PDB file of N, CA and C in Angstrom:
ATOM      1  N   UNK A   1     102.711   0.076 -68.818  1.00  0.00           N
ATOM      2  CA  UNK A   1     101.741   1.151 -68.998  1.00  0.00           C
ATOM      3  C   UNK A   1     101.024   1.371 -67.665  1.00  0.00           C
ATOM      4  N   UNK A   2     100.879   2.628 -67.310  1.00  0.00           N
ATOM      5  CA  UNK A   2     100.259   2.949 -66.029  1.00  0.00           C
ATOM      6  C   UNK A   2      98.815   3.411 -66.215  1.00  0.00           C
ATOM      7  N   UNK A   3      98.075   3.308 -65.138  1.00  0.00           N
ATOM      8  CA  UNK A   3      96.692   3.793 -65.159  1.00  0.00           C
ATOM      9  C   UNK A   3      96.664   5.296 -65.397  1.00  0.00           C
ATOM     10  N   UNK A   4      97.615   6.011 -64.810  1.00  0.00           N
ATOM     11  CA  UNK A   4      97.664   7.469 -64.999  1.00  0.00           C
ATOM     12  C   UNK A   4      97.843   7.825 -66.465  1.00  0.00           C
ATOM     13  N   UNK A   5      98.700   7.089 -67.167  1.00  0.00           N
ATOM     14  CA  UNK A   5      98.913   7.348 -68.589  1.00  0.00           C
ATOM     15  C   UNK A   5      97.634   7.115 -69.379  1.00  0.00           C
ATOM     16  N   UNK A   6      96.959   6.034 -69.093  1.00  0.00           N
ATOM     17  CA  UNK A   6      95.718   5.722 -69.818  1.00  0.00           C
ATOM     18  C   UNK A   6      94.660   6.787 -69.549  1.00  0.00           C
ATOM     19  N   UNK A   7      94.459   7.122 -68.291  1.00  0.00           N
ATOM     20  CA  UNK A   7      93.415   8.093 -67.925  1.00  0.00           C
ATOM     21  C   UNK A   7      93.722   9.461 -68.530  1.00  0.00           C
ATOM     22  N   UNK A   8      94.957   9.918 -68.389  1.00  0.00           N
ATOM     23  CA  UNK A   8      95.305  11.236 -68.920  1.00  0.00           C
ATOM     24  C   UNK A   8      95.201  11.271 -70.439  1.00  0.00           C
ATOM     25  N   UNK A   9      95.592  10.193 -71.095  1.00  0.00           N
ATOM     26  CA  UNK A   9      95.466  10.122 -72.551  1.00  0.00           C
ATOM     27  C   UNK A   9      94.005  10.209 -72.975  1.00  0.00           C
ATOM     28  N   UNK A  10      93.135   9.507 -72.267  1.00  0.00           N
ATOM     29  CA  UNK A  10      91.702   9.535 -72.598  1.00  0.00           C
ATOM     30  C   UNK A  10      91.122  10.928 -72.357  1.00  0.00           C
ATOM     31  N   UNK A  11      91.462  11.548 -71.231  1.00  0.00           N
ATOM     32  CA  UNK A  11      90.928  12.878 -70.917  1.00  0.00           C
ATOM     33  C   UNK A  11      91.396  13.906 -71.953  1.00  0.00           C
ATOM     34  N   UNK A  12      92.694  13.911 -72.239  1.00  0.00           N
ATOM     35  CA  UNK A  12      93.228  14.838 -73.242  1.00  0.00           C
ATOM     36  C   UNK A  12      92.577  14.568 -74.593  1.00  0.00           C
ATOM     37  N   UNK A  13      92.417  13.296 -74.927  1.00  0.00           N
ATOM     38  CA  UNK A  13      91.787  12.931 -76.195  1.00  0.00           C
ATOM     39  C   UNK A  13      90.362  13.431 -76.301  1.00  0.00           C
ATOM     40  N   UNK A  14      89.607  13.311 -75.228  1.00  0.00           N
ATOM     41  CA  UNK A  14      88.217  13.785 -75.251  1.00  0.00           C
ATOM     42  C   UNK A  14      88.140  15.303 -75.390  1.00  0.00           C
ATOM     43  N   UNK A  15      88.981  15.998 -74.644  1.00  0.00           N
ATOM     44  CA  UNK A  15      88.982  17.465 -74.714  1.00  0.00           C
ATOM     45  C   UNK A  15      89.344  17.937 -76.124  1.00  0.00           C
ATOM     46  N   UNK A  16      90.420  17.375 -76.667  1.00  0.00           N
ATOM     47  CA  UNK A  16      90.853  17.800 -78.004  1.00  0.00           C
ATOM     48  C   UNK A  16      89.873  17.371 -79.089  1.00  0.00           C
ATOM     49  N   UNK A  17      89.237  16.223 -78.926  1.00  0.00           N
ATOM     50  CA  UNK A  17      88.250  15.782 -79.912  1.00  0.00           C
ATOM     51  C   UNK A  17      87.071  16.750 -79.954  1.00  0.00           C
ATOM     52  N   UNK A  18      86.642  17.203 -78.784  1.00  0.00           N
ATOM     53  CA  UNK A  18      85.551  18.177 -78.742  1.00  0.00           C
ATOM     54  C   UNK A  18      85.927  19.487 -79.417  1.00  0.00           C
ATOM     55  N   UNK A  19      87.122  19.985 -79.097  1.00  0.00           N
ATOM     56  CA  UNK A  19      87.576  21.246 -79.700  1.00  0.00           C
ATOM     57  C   UNK A  19      87.766  21.091 -81.209  1.00  0.00           C
ATOM     58  N   UNK A  20      88.370  19.981 -81.602  1.00  0.00           N
ATOM     59  CA  UNK A  20      88.612  19.742 -83.027  1.00  0.00           C
ATOM     60  C   UNK A  20      87.305  19.591 -83.794  1.00  0.00           C
ATOM     61  N   UNK A  21      86.358  18.884 -83.212  1.00  0.00           N
ATOM     62  CA  UNK A  21      85.067  18.706 -83.860  1.00  0.00           C
ATOM     63  C   UNK A  21      84.349  20.025 -84.077  1.00  0.00           C
ATOM     64  N   UNK A  22      84.443  20.908 -83.083  1.00  0.00           N
ATOM     65  CA  UNK A  22      83.811  22.226 -83.213  1.00  0.00           C
ATOM     66  C   UNK A  22      84.483  23.045 -84.308  1.00  0.00           C
ATOM     67  N   UNK A  23      85.807  22.924 -84.416  1.00  0.00           N
ATOM     68  CA  UNK A  23      86.520  23.645 -85.475  1.00  0.00           C
ATOM     69  C   UNK A  23      86.122  23.109 -86.850  1.00  0.00           C
ATOM     70  N   UNK A  24      86.127  21.800 -86.981  1.00  0.00           N
ATOM     71  CA  UNK A  24      85.814  21.186 -88.272  1.00  0.00           C
ATOM     72  C   UNK A  24      84.368  21.471 -88.676  1.00  0.00           C
ATOM     73  N   UNK A  25      83.459  21.446 -87.698  1.00  0.00           N
ATOM     74  CA  UNK A  25      82.041  21.717 -87.976  1.00  0.00           C
ATOM     75  C   UNK A  25      81.776  23.206 -88.186  1.00  0.00           C
ATOM     76  N   UNK A  26      82.755  24.033 -87.877  1.00  0.00           N
ATOM     77  CA  UNK A  26      82.644  25.491 -88.028  1.00  0.00           C
ATOM     78  C   UNK A  26      81.445  26.048 -87.266  1.00  0.00           C
ATOM     79  N   UNK A  27      81.329  25.622 -86.007  1.00  0.00           N
ATOM     80  CA  UNK A  27      80.253  26.161 -85.183  1.00  0.00           C
ATOM     81  C   UNK A  27      80.474  27.666 -85.029  1.00  0.00           C
ATOM     82  N   UNK A  28      79.420  28.420 -84.772  1.00  0.00           N
ATOM     83  CA  UNK A  28      79.547  29.879 -84.739  1.00  0.00           C
ATOM     84  C   UNK A  28      80.661  30.401 -83.832  1.00  0.00           C
ATOM     85  N   UNK A  29      80.824  29.819 -82.651  1.00  0.00           N
ATOM     86  CA  UNK A  29      81.875  30.279 -81.750  1.00  0.00           C
ATOM     87  C   UNK A  29      83.255  30.096 -82.379  1.00  0.00           C
ATOM     88  N   UNK A  30      83.454  28.994 -83.083  1.00  0.00           N
ATOM     89  CA  UNK A  30      84.747  28.744 -83.722  1.00  0.00           C
ATOM     90  C   UNK A  30      84.959  29.663 -84.929  1.00  0.00           C
ATOM     91  N   UNK A  31      83.885  29.998 -85.616  1.00  0.00           N
ATOM     92  CA  UNK A  31      84.009  30.965 -86.713  1.00  0.00           C
ATOM     93  C   UNK A  31      84.491  32.312 -86.170  1.00  0.00           C
ATOM     94  N   UNK A  32      83.914  32.713 -85.047  1.00  0.00           N
ATOM     95  CA  UNK A  32      84.307  33.983 -84.436  1.00  0.00           C
ATOM     96  C   UNK A  32      85.752  33.935 -83.946  1.00  0.00           C
ATOM     97  N   UNK A  33      86.142  32.816 -83.331  1.00  0.00           N
ATOM     98  CA  UNK A  33      87.521  32.690 -82.845  1.00  0.00           C
ATOM     99  C   UNK A  33      88.512  32.702 -83.997  1.00  0.00           C
ATOM    100  N   UNK A  34      88.175  31.992 -85.060  1.00  0.00           N
ATOM    101  CA  UNK A  34      89.071  31.956 -86.227  1.00  0.00           C
ATOM    102  C   UNK A  34      89.285  33.365 -86.759  1.00  0.00           C
ATOM    103  N   UNK A  35      88.204  34.103 -86.912  1.00  0.00           N
ATOM    104  CA  UNK A  35      88.300  35.468 -87.428  1.00  0.00           C
ATOM    105  C   UNK A  35      89.110  36.349 -86.476  1.00  0.00           C
ATOM    106  N   UNK A  36      88.840  36.225 -85.198  1.00  0.00           N
ATOM    107  CA  UNK A  36      89.542  37.026 -84.188  1.00  0.00           C
ATOM    108  C   UNK A  36      91.043  36.757 -84.218  1.00  0.00           C
ATOM    109  N   UNK A  37      91.426  35.494 -84.414  1.00  0.00           N
ATOM    110  CA  UNK A  37      92.843  35.127 -84.409  1.00  0.00           C
ATOM    111  C   UNK A  37      93.507  35.313 -85.771  1.00  0.00           C
ATOM    112  N   UNK A  38      92.707  35.700 -86.773  1.00  0.00           N
ATOM    113  CA  UNK A  38      93.270  35.974 -88.094  1.00  0.00           C
ATOM    114  C   UNK A  38      93.377  34.760 -89.003  1.00  0.00           C
ATOM    115  N   UNK A  39      92.596  33.712 -88.721  1.00  0.00           N
ATOM    116  CA  UNK A  39      92.596  32.508 -89.541  1.00  0.00           C
ATOM    117  C   UNK A  39      91.364  32.469 -90.426  1.00  0.00           C
ATOM    118  N   UNK A  40      91.508  31.913 -91.606  1.00  0.00           N
ATOM    119  CA  UNK A  40      90.327  31.624 -92.413  1.00  0.00           C
ATOM    120  C   UNK A  40      89.664  30.395 -91.792  1.00  0.00           C
ATOM    121  N   UNK A  41      88.397  30.187 -92.104  1.00  0.00           N
ATOM    122  CA  UNK A  41      87.717  29.011 -91.558  1.00  0.00           C
ATOM    123  C   UNK A  41      88.340  27.737 -92.107  1.00  0.00           C
ATOM    124  N   UNK A  42      88.807  27.778 -93.342  1.00  0.00           N
ATOM    125  CA  UNK A  42      89.484  26.616 -93.913  1.00  0.00           C
ATOM    126  C   UNK A  42      90.741  26.262 -93.132  1.00  0.00           C
ATOM    127  N   UNK A  43      91.513  27.265 -92.774  1.00  0.00           N
ATOM    128  CA  UNK A  43      92.725  27.038 -91.982  1.00  0.00           C
ATOM    129  C   UNK A  43      92.374  26.504 -90.596  1.00  0.00           C
ATOM    130  N   UNK A  44      91.314  27.021 -90.025  1.00  0.00           N
ATOM    131  CA  UNK A  44      90.900  26.569 -88.692  1.00  0.00           C
ATOM    132  C   UNK A  44      90.436  25.117 -88.744  1.00  0.00           C
ATOM    133  N   UNK A  45      89.798  24.746 -89.845  1.00  0.00           N
ATOM    134  CA  UNK A  45      89.406  23.343 -90.013  1.00  0.00           C
ATOM    135  C   UNK A  45      90.634  22.445 -90.128  1.00  0.00           C
ATOM    136  N   UNK A  46      91.667  22.909 -90.787  1.00  0.00           N
ATOM    137  CA  UNK A  46      92.917  22.141 -90.884  1.00  0.00           C
ATOM    138  C   UNK A  46      93.511  21.958 -89.486  1.00  0.00           C
ATOM    139  N   UNK A  47      93.476  23.005 -88.685  1.00  0.00           N
ATOM    140  CA  UNK A  47      93.962  22.891 -87.305  1.00  0.00           C
ATOM    141  C   UNK A  47      93.160  21.826 -86.565  1.00  0.00           C
ATOM    142  N   UNK A  48      91.846  21.835 -86.736  1.00  0.00           N
ATOM    143  CA  UNK A  48      91.006  20.813 -86.108  1.00  0.00           C
ATOM    144  C   UNK A  48      91.367  19.409 -86.575  1.00  0.00           C
ATOM    145  N   UNK A  49      91.618  19.261 -87.866  1.00  0.00           N
ATOM    146  CA  UNK A  49      92.004  17.944 -88.400  1.00  0.00           C
ATOM    147  C   UNK A  49      93.347  17.503 -87.822  1.00  0.00           C
ATOM    148  N   UNK A  50      94.280  18.433 -87.678  1.00  0.00           N
ATOM    149  CA  UNK A  50      95.577  18.101 -87.080  1.00  0.00           C
ATOM    150  C   UNK A  50      95.420  17.705 -85.610  1.00  0.00           C
ATOM    151  N   UNK A  51      94.519  18.374 -84.911  1.00  0.00           N
ATOM    152  CA  UNK A  51      94.239  17.985 -83.522  1.00  0.00           C
ATOM    153  C   UNK A  51      93.697  16.566 -83.465  1.00  0.00           C
ATOM    154  N   UNK A  52      92.771  16.229 -84.370  1.00  0.00           N
ATOM    155  CA  UNK A  52      92.237  14.863 -84.407  1.00  0.00           C
ATOM    156  C   UNK A  52      93.326  13.847 -84.723  1.00  0.00           C
ATOM    157  N   UNK A  53      94.223  14.190 -85.635  1.00  0.00           N
ATOM    158  CA  UNK A  53      95.341  13.295 -85.947  1.00  0.00           C
ATOM    159  C   UNK A  53      96.219  13.106 -84.708  1.00  0.00           C
ATOM    160  N   UNK A  54      96.418  14.163 -83.963  1.00  0.00           N
ATOM    161  CA  UNK A  54      97.192  14.063 -82.726  1.00  0.00           C
ATOM    162  C   UNK A  54      96.524  13.168 -81.708  1.00  0.00           C
ATOM    163  N   UNK A  55      95.211  13.271 -81.592  1.00  0.00           N
ATOM    164  CA  UNK A  55      94.459  12.401 -80.682  1.00  0.00           C
ATOM    165  C   UNK A  55      94.607  10.938 -81.105  1.00  0.00           C
ATOM    166  N   UNK A  56      94.506  10.692 -82.399  1.00  0.00           N
ATOM    167  CA  UNK A  56      94.686   9.317 -82.896  1.00  0.00           C
ATOM    168  C   UNK A  56      96.095   8.820 -82.575  1.00  0.00           C
ATOM    169  N   UNK A  57      97.077   9.696 -82.713  1.00  0.00           N
ATOM    170  CA  UNK A  57      98.450   9.329 -82.382  1.00  0.00           C
ATOM    171  C   UNK A  57      98.633   9.032 -80.904  1.00  0.00           C
ATOM    172  N   UNK A  58      98.003   9.835 -80.047  1.00  0.00           N
ATOM    173  CA  UNK A  58      98.072   9.563 -78.609  1.00  0.00           C
ATOM    174  C   UNK A  58      97.460   8.216 -78.284  1.00  0.00           C
ATOM    175  N   UNK A  59      96.317   7.930 -78.900  1.00  0.00           N
ATOM    176  CA  UNK A  59      95.648   6.643 -78.656  1.00  0.00           C
ATOM    177  C   UNK A  59      96.520   5.485 -79.142  1.00  0.00           C
ATOM    178  N   UNK A  60      97.092   5.639 -80.325  1.00  0.00           N
ATOM    179  CA  UNK A  60      97.976   4.595 -80.855  1.00  0.00           C
ATOM    180  C   UNK A  60      99.195   4.426 -79.964  1.00  0.00           C
ATOM    181  N   UNK A  61      99.612   5.495 -79.320  1.00  0.00           N
ATOM    182  CA  UNK A  61     100.761   5.454 -78.433  1.00  0.00           C
ATOM    183  C   UNK A  61     100.574   4.573 -77.220  1.00  0.00           C
ATOM    184  N   UNK A  62      99.336   4.270 -76.894  1.00  0.00           N
ATOM    185  CA  UNK A  62      99.104   3.346 -75.787  1.00  0.00           C
ATOM    186  C   UNK A  62      99.560   1.934 -76.164  1.00  0.00           C
ATOM    187  N   UNK A  63      99.571   1.641 -77.459  1.00  0.00           N
ATOM    188  CA  UNK A  63     100.043   0.339 -77.932  1.00  0.00           C
ATOM    189  C   UNK A  63     101.491   0.403 -78.404  1.00  0.00           C
ATOM    190  N   UNK A  64     101.867   1.508 -79.037  1.00  0.00           N
ATOM    191  CA  UNK A  64     103.225   1.654 -79.571  1.00  0.00           C
ATOM    192  C   UNK A  64     103.742   3.029 -79.194  1.00  0.00           C
ATOM    193  N   UNK A  65     104.531   3.089 -78.152  1.00  0.00           N
ATOM    194  CA  UNK A  65     104.975   4.336 -77.546  1.00  0.00           C
ATOM    195  C   UNK A  65     105.530   5.381 -78.499  1.00  0.00           C
ATOM    196  N   UNK A  66     106.381   5.043 -79.469  1.00  0.00           N
ATOM    197  CA  UNK A  66     106.953   6.103 -80.323  1.00  0.00           C
ATOM    198  C   UNK A  66     105.888   6.951 -81.024  1.00  0.00           C
ATOM    199  N   UNK A  67     104.791   6.341 -81.416  1.00  0.00           N
ATOM    200  CA  UNK A  67     103.714   7.103 -82.059  1.00  0.00           C
ATOM    201  C   UNK A  67     103.094   8.086 -81.074  1.00  0.00           C
ATOM    202  N   UNK A  68     102.854   7.629 -79.870  1.00  0.00           N
ATOM    203  CA  UNK A  68     102.287   8.510 -78.850  1.00  0.00           C
ATOM    204  C   UNK A  68     103.209   9.651 -78.485  1.00  0.00           C
ATOM    205  N   UNK A  69     104.499   9.342 -78.428  1.00  0.00           N
ATOM    206  CA  UNK A  69     105.465  10.392 -78.103  1.00  0.00           C
ATOM    207  C   UNK A  69     105.513  11.445 -79.204  1.00  0.00           C
ATOM    208  N   UNK A  70     105.529  11.010 -80.435  1.00  0.00           N
ATOM    209  CA  UNK A  70     105.545  11.957 -81.561  1.00  0.00           C
ATOM    210  C   UNK A  70     104.275  12.799 -81.571  1.00  0.00           C
ATOM    211  N   UNK A  71     103.140  12.164 -81.325  1.00  0.00           N
ATOM    212  CA  UNK A  71     101.872  12.902 -81.294  1.00  0.00           C
ATOM    213  C   UNK A  71     101.863  13.920 -80.161  1.00  0.00           C
ATOM    214  N   UNK A  72     102.381  13.528 -79.010  1.00  0.00           N
ATOM    215  CA  UNK A  72     102.417  14.447 -77.868  1.00  0.00           C
ATOM    216  C   UNK A  72     103.303  15.655 -78.162  1.00  0.00           C
ATOM    217  N   UNK A  73     104.444  15.424 -78.789  1.00  0.00           N
ATOM    218  CA  UNK A  73     105.326  16.547 -79.149  1.00  0.00           C
ATOM    219  C   UNK A  73     104.609  17.481 -80.132  1.00  0.00           C
ATOM    220  N   UNK A  74     103.952  16.898 -81.133  1.00  0.00           N
ATOM    221  CA  UNK A  74     103.233  17.712 -82.114  1.00  0.00           C
ATOM    222  C   UNK A  74     102.096  18.506 -81.487  1.00  0.00           C
ATOM    223  N   UNK A  75     101.336  17.869 -80.602  1.00  0.00           N
ATOM    224  CA  UNK A  75     100.228  18.572 -79.941  1.00  0.00           C
ATOM    225  C   UNK A  75     100.743  19.661 -79.005  1.00  0.00           C
ATOM    226  N   UNK A  76     101.835  19.387 -78.309  1.00  0.00           N
ATOM    227  CA  UNK A  76     102.412  20.416 -77.433  1.00  0.00           C
ATOM    228  C   UNK A  76     102.844  21.630 -78.258  1.00  0.00           C
ATOM    229  N   UNK A  77     103.441  21.372 -79.408  1.00  0.00           N
ATOM    230  CA  UNK A  77     103.840  22.475 -80.292  1.00  0.00           C
ATOM    231  C   UNK A  77     102.622  23.253 -80.770  1.00  0.00           C
ATOM    232  N   UNK A  78     101.548  22.544 -81.071  1.00  0.00           N
ATOM    233  CA  UNK A  78     100.321  23.235 -81.494  1.00  0.00           C
ATOM    234  C   UNK A  78      99.778  24.122 -80.372  1.00  0.00           C
ATOM    235  N   UNK A  79      99.843  23.655 -79.139  1.00  0.00           N
ATOM    236  CA  UNK A  79      99.337  24.444 -78.022  1.00  0.00           C
ATOM    237  C   UNK A  79     100.215  25.668 -77.777  1.00  0.00           C
ATOM    238  N   UNK A  80     101.520  25.543 -77.968  1.00  0.00           N
ATOM    239  CA  UNK A  80     102.402  26.722 -77.883  1.00  0.00           C
ATOM    240  C   UNK A  80     101.997  27.721 -78.970  1.00  0.00           C
ATOM    241  N   UNK A  81     101.751  27.220 -80.166  1.00  0.00           N
ATOM    242  CA  UNK A  81     101.300  28.076 -81.254  1.00  0.00           C
ATOM    243  C   UNK A  81      99.982  28.753 -80.940  1.00  0.00           C
ATOM    244  N   UNK A  82      99.075  28.035 -80.287  1.00  0.00           N
ATOM    245  CA  UNK A  82      97.783  28.620 -79.912  1.00  0.00           C
ATOM    246  C   UNK A  82      97.972  29.761 -78.923  1.00  0.00           C
ATOM    247  N   UNK A  83      98.844  29.558 -77.946  1.00  0.00           N
ATOM    248  CA  UNK A  83      99.109  30.611 -76.966  1.00  0.00           C
ATOM    249  C   UNK A  83      99.692  31.841 -77.669  1.00  0.00           C
ATOM    250  N   UNK A  84     100.645  31.624 -78.555  1.00  0.00           N
ATOM    251  CA  UNK A  84     101.257  32.736 -79.287  1.00  0.00           C
ATOM    252  C   UNK A  84     100.193  33.485 -80.097  1.00  0.00           C
ATOM    253  N   UNK A  85      99.315  32.748 -80.767  1.00  0.00           N
ATOM    254  CA  UNK A  85      98.248  33.393 -81.559  1.00  0.00           C
ATOM    255  C   UNK A  85      97.342  34.245 -80.682  1.00  0.00           C
ATOM    256  N   UNK A  86      96.977  33.726 -79.504  1.00  0.00           N
ATOM    257  CA  UNK A  86      96.126  34.499 -78.597  1.00  0.00           C
ATOM    258  C   UNK A  86      96.824  35.779 -78.144  1.00  0.00           C
ATOM    259  N   UNK A  87      98.093  35.653 -77.788  1.00  0.00           N
ATOM    260  CA  UNK A  87      98.813  36.833 -77.315  1.00  0.00           C
ATOM    261  C   UNK A  87      99.002  37.853 -78.431  1.00  0.00           C
ATOM    262  N   UNK A  88      99.284  37.384 -79.646  1.00  0.00           N
ATOM    263  CA  UNK A  88      99.426  38.304 -80.788  1.00  0.00           C
ATOM    264  C   UNK A  88      98.123  39.016 -81.108  1.00  0.00           C
ATOM    265  N   UNK A  89      96.995  38.337 -80.842  1.00  0.00           N
ATOM    266  CA  UNK A  89      95.685  38.938 -81.110  1.00  0.00           C
ATOM    267  C   UNK A  89      95.282  39.905 -80.010  1.00  0.00           C
ATOM    268  N   UNK A  90      96.138  40.043 -78.994  1.00  0.00           N
ATOM    269  CA  UNK A  90      95.842  40.976 -77.917  1.00  0.00           C
ATOM    270  C   UNK A  90      94.942  40.413 -76.832  1.00  0.00           C
ATOM    271  N   UNK A  91      94.765  39.103 -76.830  1.00  0.00           N
ATOM    272  CA  UNK A  91      93.926  38.482 -75.806  1.00  0.00           C
ATOM    273  C   UNK A  91      94.612  38.540 -74.448  1.00  0.00           C
ATOM    274  N   UNK A  92      93.790  38.533 -73.416  1.00  0.00           N
ATOM    275  CA  UNK A  92      94.324  38.443 -72.063  1.00  0.00           C
ATOM    276  C   UNK A  92      94.855  37.031 -71.845  1.00  0.00           C
ATOM    277  N   UNK A  93      95.700  36.870 -70.856  1.00  0.00           N
ATOM    278  CA  UNK A  93      96.284  35.554 -70.560  1.00  0.00           C
ATOM    279  C   UNK A  93      95.201  34.520 -70.281  1.00  0.00           C
ATOM    280  N   UNK A  94      94.111  34.945 -69.669  1.00  0.00           N
ATOM    281  CA  UNK A  94      93.034  34.011 -69.338  1.00  0.00           C
ATOM    282  C   UNK A  94      92.430  33.377 -70.592  1.00  0.00           C
ATOM    283  N   UNK A  95      92.435  34.095 -71.695  1.00  0.00           N
ATOM    284  CA  UNK A  95      91.875  33.545 -72.927  1.00  0.00           C
ATOM    285  C   UNK A  95      92.791  32.500 -73.552  1.00  0.00           C
ATOM    286  N   UNK A  96      94.061  32.533 -73.212  1.00  0.00           N
ATOM    287  CA  UNK A  96      95.007  31.525 -73.694  1.00  0.00           C
ATOM    288  C   UNK A  96      95.125  30.360 -72.722  1.00  0.00           C
ATOM    289  N   UNK A  97      94.490  30.472 -71.553  1.00  0.00           N
ATOM    290  CA  UNK A  97      94.618  29.451 -70.515  1.00  0.00           C
ATOM    291  C   UNK A  97      94.218  28.052 -70.971  1.00  0.00           C
ATOM    292  N   UNK A  98      93.126  27.873 -71.732  1.00  0.00           N
ATOM    293  CA  UNK A  98      92.806  26.509 -72.167  1.00  0.00           C
ATOM    294  C   UNK A  98      93.945  25.853 -72.950  1.00  0.00           C
ATOM    295  N   UNK A  99      94.598  26.607 -73.815  1.00  0.00           N
ATOM    296  CA  UNK A  99      95.726  26.051 -74.573  1.00  0.00           C
ATOM    297  C   UNK A  99      96.888  25.723 -73.642  1.00  0.00           C
ATOM    298  N   UNK A 100      97.102  26.544 -72.623  1.00  0.00           N
ATOM    299  CA  UNK A 100      98.174  26.280 -71.659  1.00  0.00           C
ATOM    300  C   UNK A 100      97.878  24.994 -70.887  1.00  0.00           C
ATOM    301  N   UNK A 101      96.640  24.844 -70.438  1.00  0.00           N
ATOM    302  CA  UNK A 101      96.263  23.659 -69.658  1.00  0.00           C
ATOM    303  C   UNK A 101      96.357  22.395 -70.512  1.00  0.00           C
ATOM    304  N   UNK A 102      95.810  22.446 -71.715  1.00  0.00           N
ATOM    305  CA  UNK A 102      95.893  21.279 -72.600  1.00  0.00           C
ATOM    306  C   UNK A 102      97.347  20.978 -72.940  1.00  0.00           C
ATOM    307  N   UNK A 103      98.128  22.008 -73.201  1.00  0.00           N
ATOM    308  CA  UNK A 103      99.548  21.804 -73.489  1.00  0.00           C
ATOM    309  C   UNK A 103     100.271  21.140 -72.329  1.00  0.00           C
ATOM    310  N   UNK A 104      99.984  21.587 -71.119  1.00  0.00           N
ATOM    311  CA  UNK A 104     100.608  20.985 -69.936  1.00  0.00           C
ATOM    312  C   UNK A 104     100.181  19.525 -69.783  1.00  0.00           C
ATOM    313  N   UNK A 105      98.917  19.244 -70.064  1.00  0.00           N
ATOM    314  CA  UNK A 105      98.439  17.863 -69.970  1.00  0.00           C
ATOM    315  C   UNK A 105      99.103  16.980 -71.023  1.00  0.00           C
ATOM    316  N   UNK A 106      99.301  17.508 -72.215  1.00  0.00           N
ATOM    317  CA  UNK A 106      99.968  16.750 -73.275  1.00  0.00           C
ATOM    318  C   UNK A 106     101.424  16.480 -72.893  1.00  0.00           C
ATOM    319  N   UNK A 107     102.085  17.466 -72.300  1.00  0.00           N
ATOM    320  CA  UNK A 107     103.458  17.260 -71.847  1.00  0.00           C
ATOM    321  C   UNK A 107     103.488  16.194 -70.747  1.00  0.00           C
ATOM    322  N   UNK A 108     102.483  16.206 -69.875  1.00  0.00           N
ATOM    323  CA  UNK A 108     102.404  15.179 -68.835  1.00  0.00           C
ATOM    324  C   UNK A 108     102.242  13.788 -69.456  1.00  0.00           C
ATOM    325  N   UNK A 109     101.435  13.685 -70.507  1.00  0.00           N
ATOM    326  CA  UNK A 109     101.301  12.403 -71.215  1.00  0.00           C
ATOM    327  C   UNK A 109     102.661  11.979 -71.763  1.00  0.00           C
ATOM    328  N   UNK A 110     103.380  12.909 -72.358  1.00  0.00           N
ATOM    329  CA  UNK A 110     104.698  12.595 -72.911  1.00  0.00           C
ATOM    330  C   UNK A 110     105.643  12.115 -71.814  1.00  0.00           C
ATOM    331  N   UNK A 111     105.656  12.798 -70.683  1.00  0.00           N
ATOM    332  CA  UNK A 111     106.526  12.401 -69.573  1.00  0.00           C
ATOM    333  C   UNK A 111     106.177  10.998 -69.096  1.00  0.00           C
ATOM    334  N   UNK A 112     104.892  10.706 -68.959  1.00  0.00           N
ATOM    335  CA  UNK A 112     104.474   9.365 -68.528  1.00  0.00           C
ATOM    336  C   UNK A 112     104.868   8.311 -69.553  1.00  0.00           C
ATOM    337  N   UNK A 113     104.766   8.654 -70.831  1.00  0.00           N
ATOM    338  CA  UNK A 113     105.164   7.703 -71.868  1.00  0.00           C
ATOM    339  C   UNK A 113     106.660   7.402 -71.793  1.00  0.00           C
ATOM    340  N   UNK A 114     107.451   8.436 -71.565  1.00  0.00           N
ATOM    341  CA  UNK A 114     108.905   8.251 -71.478  1.00  0.00           C
ATOM    342  C   UNK A 114     109.258   7.444 -70.233  1.00  0.00           C
ATOM    343  N   UNK A 115     108.603   7.729 -69.117  1.00  0.00           N
ATOM    344  CA  UNK A 115     108.899   7.023 -67.873  1.00  0.00           C
ATOM    345  C   UNK A 115     108.537   5.540 -67.931  1.00  0.00           C
ATOM    346  N   UNK A 116     107.504   5.216 -68.688  1.00  0.00           N
ATOM    347  CA  UNK A 116     107.062   3.816 -68.739  1.00  0.00           C
ATOM    348  C   UNK A 116     107.630   3.068 -69.937  1.00  0.00           C
ATOM    349  N   UNK A 117     108.458   3.735 -70.729  1.00  0.00           N
ATOM    350  CA  UNK A 117     109.036   3.069 -71.909  1.00  0.00           C
ATOM    351  C   UNK A 117     110.086   2.050 -71.517  1.00  0.00           C
TER     352      UNK A 117
END
């Protein structure tokens, strides 16, 4: 296990935990985003819960790689879905950028996990 893998996993985990917590708590900004993207608040909360599950999987992956790899694949797929939702809603590319950056970071975690396996 490398320091880069640990640091990137922690950073990605913190970012996603914050976003997921805001979705689950249904803060006003997340309510507006859910509506804009065509999701009910209940569906957006499910997305937040799935993000938290992915974070738990990434953390577990530091001890048992297959779990982390599966979580990284799932989170990367979620970020692709987020980008697609933004583009379908007519958002500019800049509004989808956070999902692109997080997705790229998750893929980097996956690559590091595979390299150190």
